[in-house]
Protein backbone atom coordinates (compact mmCIF):
# COMPACT_ATOMS: atom_id res chain seq x y z
CA MET A 1 212.55 235.34 68.67
CA THR A 2 209.67 235.32 70.13
CA GLU A 3 208.43 234.97 73.71
CA GLU A 4 206.86 231.05 73.22
CA MET A 5 210.28 230.38 71.77
CA LYS A 6 212.74 231.30 74.16
CA SER A 7 209.94 229.59 77.34
CA LEU A 8 210.04 226.61 75.08
CA GLU A 9 214.78 226.90 75.08
CA GLU A 10 214.93 228.21 78.42
CA LEU A 11 212.36 224.12 79.60
CA GLN A 12 214.19 222.05 76.98
CA THR A 13 217.77 223.69 79.00
CA VAL A 14 216.10 223.73 82.47
CA GLY A 15 214.66 219.76 81.66
CA SER A 16 218.29 218.26 80.12
CA ASP A 17 219.61 220.11 83.85
CA ALA A 18 217.64 218.49 85.30
CA ASP A 19 216.20 215.48 84.61
CA VAL A 20 213.15 216.28 84.41
CA GLN A 21 210.71 213.49 82.99
CA ILE A 22 208.05 214.25 80.51
CA GLU A 23 204.88 211.67 80.14
CA VAL A 24 203.33 211.36 77.44
CA ALA A 25 200.25 209.92 76.69
CA ALA A 26 200.23 206.57 75.50
CA PRO A 27 198.36 205.59 72.57
CA ARG A 28 195.51 204.31 72.41
CA GLU A 29 195.74 200.31 71.74
CA PRO A 30 194.04 198.18 69.22
CA MET A 31 191.50 196.40 71.35
CA ARG A 32 190.15 192.83 69.84
CA ASP A 33 188.84 189.58 70.31
CA ALA A 34 190.86 185.79 69.35
CA LEU A 35 188.70 186.22 66.92
CA GLY A 36 190.16 189.57 65.17
CA ARG A 37 187.02 191.31 66.42
CA ALA A 38 185.71 194.24 68.23
CA TYR A 39 183.02 194.17 70.19
CA ALA A 40 180.69 197.43 71.09
CA THR A 41 177.71 198.38 72.19
CA GLY A 42 175.52 201.25 71.32
CA LYS A 43 172.34 202.39 72.40
CA ARG A 44 169.94 205.37 70.92
CA LYS A 45 165.93 205.31 73.01
CA ASP A 46 165.01 202.04 74.48
CA ALA A 47 167.43 199.63 71.77
CA VAL A 48 170.51 197.84 72.47
CA ALA A 49 172.96 197.16 69.79
CA ARG A 50 175.75 194.61 70.59
CA VAL A 51 178.06 195.20 67.12
CA TRP A 52 180.34 192.86 66.55
CA ILE A 53 183.18 194.41 63.30
CA LYS A 54 185.88 191.98 61.17
CA PRO A 55 187.42 192.71 58.07
CA GLY A 56 185.58 192.04 55.63
CA SER A 57 183.74 192.78 51.97
CA GLY A 58 181.13 194.65 53.45
CA LYS A 59 178.60 192.80 54.64
CA VAL A 60 176.32 193.79 57.68
CA VAL A 61 173.91 191.22 58.93
CA VAL A 62 171.06 192.47 61.91
CA ASN A 63 169.27 189.90 64.22
CA GLY A 64 170.50 187.45 61.18
CA LYS A 65 168.60 189.55 58.43
CA GLU A 66 170.79 191.43 56.09
CA MET A 67 170.79 194.93 56.35
CA ASN A 68 168.79 195.79 52.96
CA ALA A 69 165.84 192.67 54.81
CA TYR A 70 166.00 194.02 58.07
CA PHE A 71 166.08 198.29 57.57
CA ALA A 72 163.59 198.36 54.88
CA ARG A 73 163.58 202.13 54.45
CA PRO A 74 166.97 203.74 52.76
CA VAL A 75 167.30 206.37 54.94
CA LEU A 76 168.04 203.31 57.85
CA GLN A 77 170.45 202.26 55.05
CA MET A 78 171.81 205.70 55.11
CA ILE A 79 172.50 206.48 59.42
CA LEU A 80 174.34 202.75 59.33
CA ARG A 81 176.42 203.25 56.25
CA GLN A 82 177.45 206.32 57.57
CA PRO A 83 180.54 206.15 59.77
CA PHE A 84 182.32 203.66 57.65
CA GLN A 85 181.74 207.43 55.07
CA VAL A 86 182.73 209.43 57.51
CA ALA A 87 186.10 207.25 58.39
CA GLY A 88 186.76 206.11 55.07
CA VAL A 89 186.11 202.50 55.13
CA VAL A 90 183.60 201.95 52.67
CA ASP A 91 182.97 198.13 52.32
CA GLN A 92 186.25 197.55 54.22
CA PHE A 93 184.14 195.68 57.75
CA ASP A 94 181.94 192.59 57.93
CA VAL A 95 179.32 193.93 60.78
CA ASN A 96 177.68 191.66 62.59
CA ALA A 97 174.86 193.13 64.84
CA THR A 98 172.56 191.76 67.69
CA VAL A 99 170.00 194.78 68.57
CA LYS A 100 166.46 194.72 71.33
CA GLY A 101 163.72 196.55 71.89
CA GLY A 102 162.51 200.27 70.26
CA GLY A 103 161.39 201.37 67.04
CA LEU A 104 163.10 200.38 63.55
CA SER A 105 164.86 203.91 63.78
CA GLY A 106 165.95 204.14 67.52
CA GLN A 107 167.68 199.97 66.05
CA ALA A 108 169.12 202.28 63.62
CA GLY A 109 170.21 204.83 65.49
CA ALA A 110 171.65 201.78 68.51
CA VAL A 111 173.56 199.76 65.48
CA LYS A 112 174.86 202.58 64.36
CA HIS A 113 176.38 204.15 67.62
CA GLY A 114 178.16 200.20 68.75
CA ILE A 115 179.33 200.43 64.46
CA SER A 116 181.66 203.88 65.87
CA LYS A 117 182.52 202.58 69.34
CA ALA A 118 184.01 199.09 67.55
CA LEU A 119 185.56 201.04 65.16
CA GLN A 120 187.30 203.11 67.35
CA LEU A 121 188.03 200.24 69.11
CA TYR A 122 189.46 198.21 66.59
CA GLU A 123 191.37 200.81 64.77
CA PRO A 124 192.09 204.13 67.42
CA GLY A 125 193.17 206.35 64.24
CA LEU A 126 189.51 206.32 63.91
CA ARG A 127 188.87 208.57 67.25
CA GLY A 128 188.76 211.88 65.35
CA ALA A 129 187.07 211.67 62.29
CA LEU A 130 184.43 209.59 64.10
CA LYS A 131 184.51 212.02 67.73
CA SER A 132 184.15 214.95 65.70
CA ALA A 133 181.31 213.70 63.35
CA GLY A 134 178.99 212.77 67.27
CA PHE A 135 178.74 209.00 66.42
CA LEU A 136 180.88 208.05 69.96
CA THR A 137 177.83 210.13 71.80
CA ARG A 138 175.39 208.37 72.74
CA ASP A 139 172.12 210.18 71.45
CA SER A 140 170.71 210.16 75.49
CA ARG A 141 167.34 211.50 74.18
CA VAL A 142 164.09 209.21 75.78
CA VAL A 143 160.83 209.08 75.54
CA GLU A 144 158.77 211.86 78.91
CA ARG A 145 157.26 209.62 81.05
CA LYS A 146 153.26 209.91 81.06
CA LYS A 147 152.37 212.60 84.04
CA TYR A 148 149.69 211.90 86.59
CA GLY A 149 146.97 213.44 86.65
CA LYS A 150 147.61 213.80 82.27
CA ARG A 151 146.36 212.93 79.04
CA LYS A 152 150.17 212.27 77.63
CA ALA A 153 153.67 213.58 79.39
CA ARG A 154 152.22 216.55 78.55
CA ARG A 155 149.32 217.01 77.43
CA SER A 156 145.90 218.19 79.40
CA PHE A 157 142.78 216.72 79.71
CA GLN A 158 140.01 219.11 77.75
CA PHE A 159 139.07 221.71 79.31
CA SER A 160 135.41 222.59 79.99
CA LYS A 161 133.54 225.07 81.16
CA ARG A 162 130.38 223.90 81.50
């Protein structure tokens, strides 16, 4: 027997003799509202997205428009599909999202973040795949503020010797 197995046996005998109770972390429970939807807020740059997901046929509506109409660029549409592909639930959920602030790229990232968070709230078993892909982490990079005495955040005025 290895040392690990011996120590495990000792722990088991000690636990049975001393009636030691080991608390196991409770599994996460799905969080759904009365309509069977999961809600989450996603953020990216200056954009904030409120996202509701529910079981369906894979229809994505952003600010009252279809995904193809709101995010016309294929790259942005691909960004929105990533959480479903990683979790392996393509065309199983309908998404309704409202997004404000920022530009289209930031809004697509915010909706992606919101979808990822809502998926893991709806089905906690998907959390591992989404977390390992990095979709549950808020991308905190924002535009640097302009400083006084500078033309932009870091760009100085043109130097003139004469």
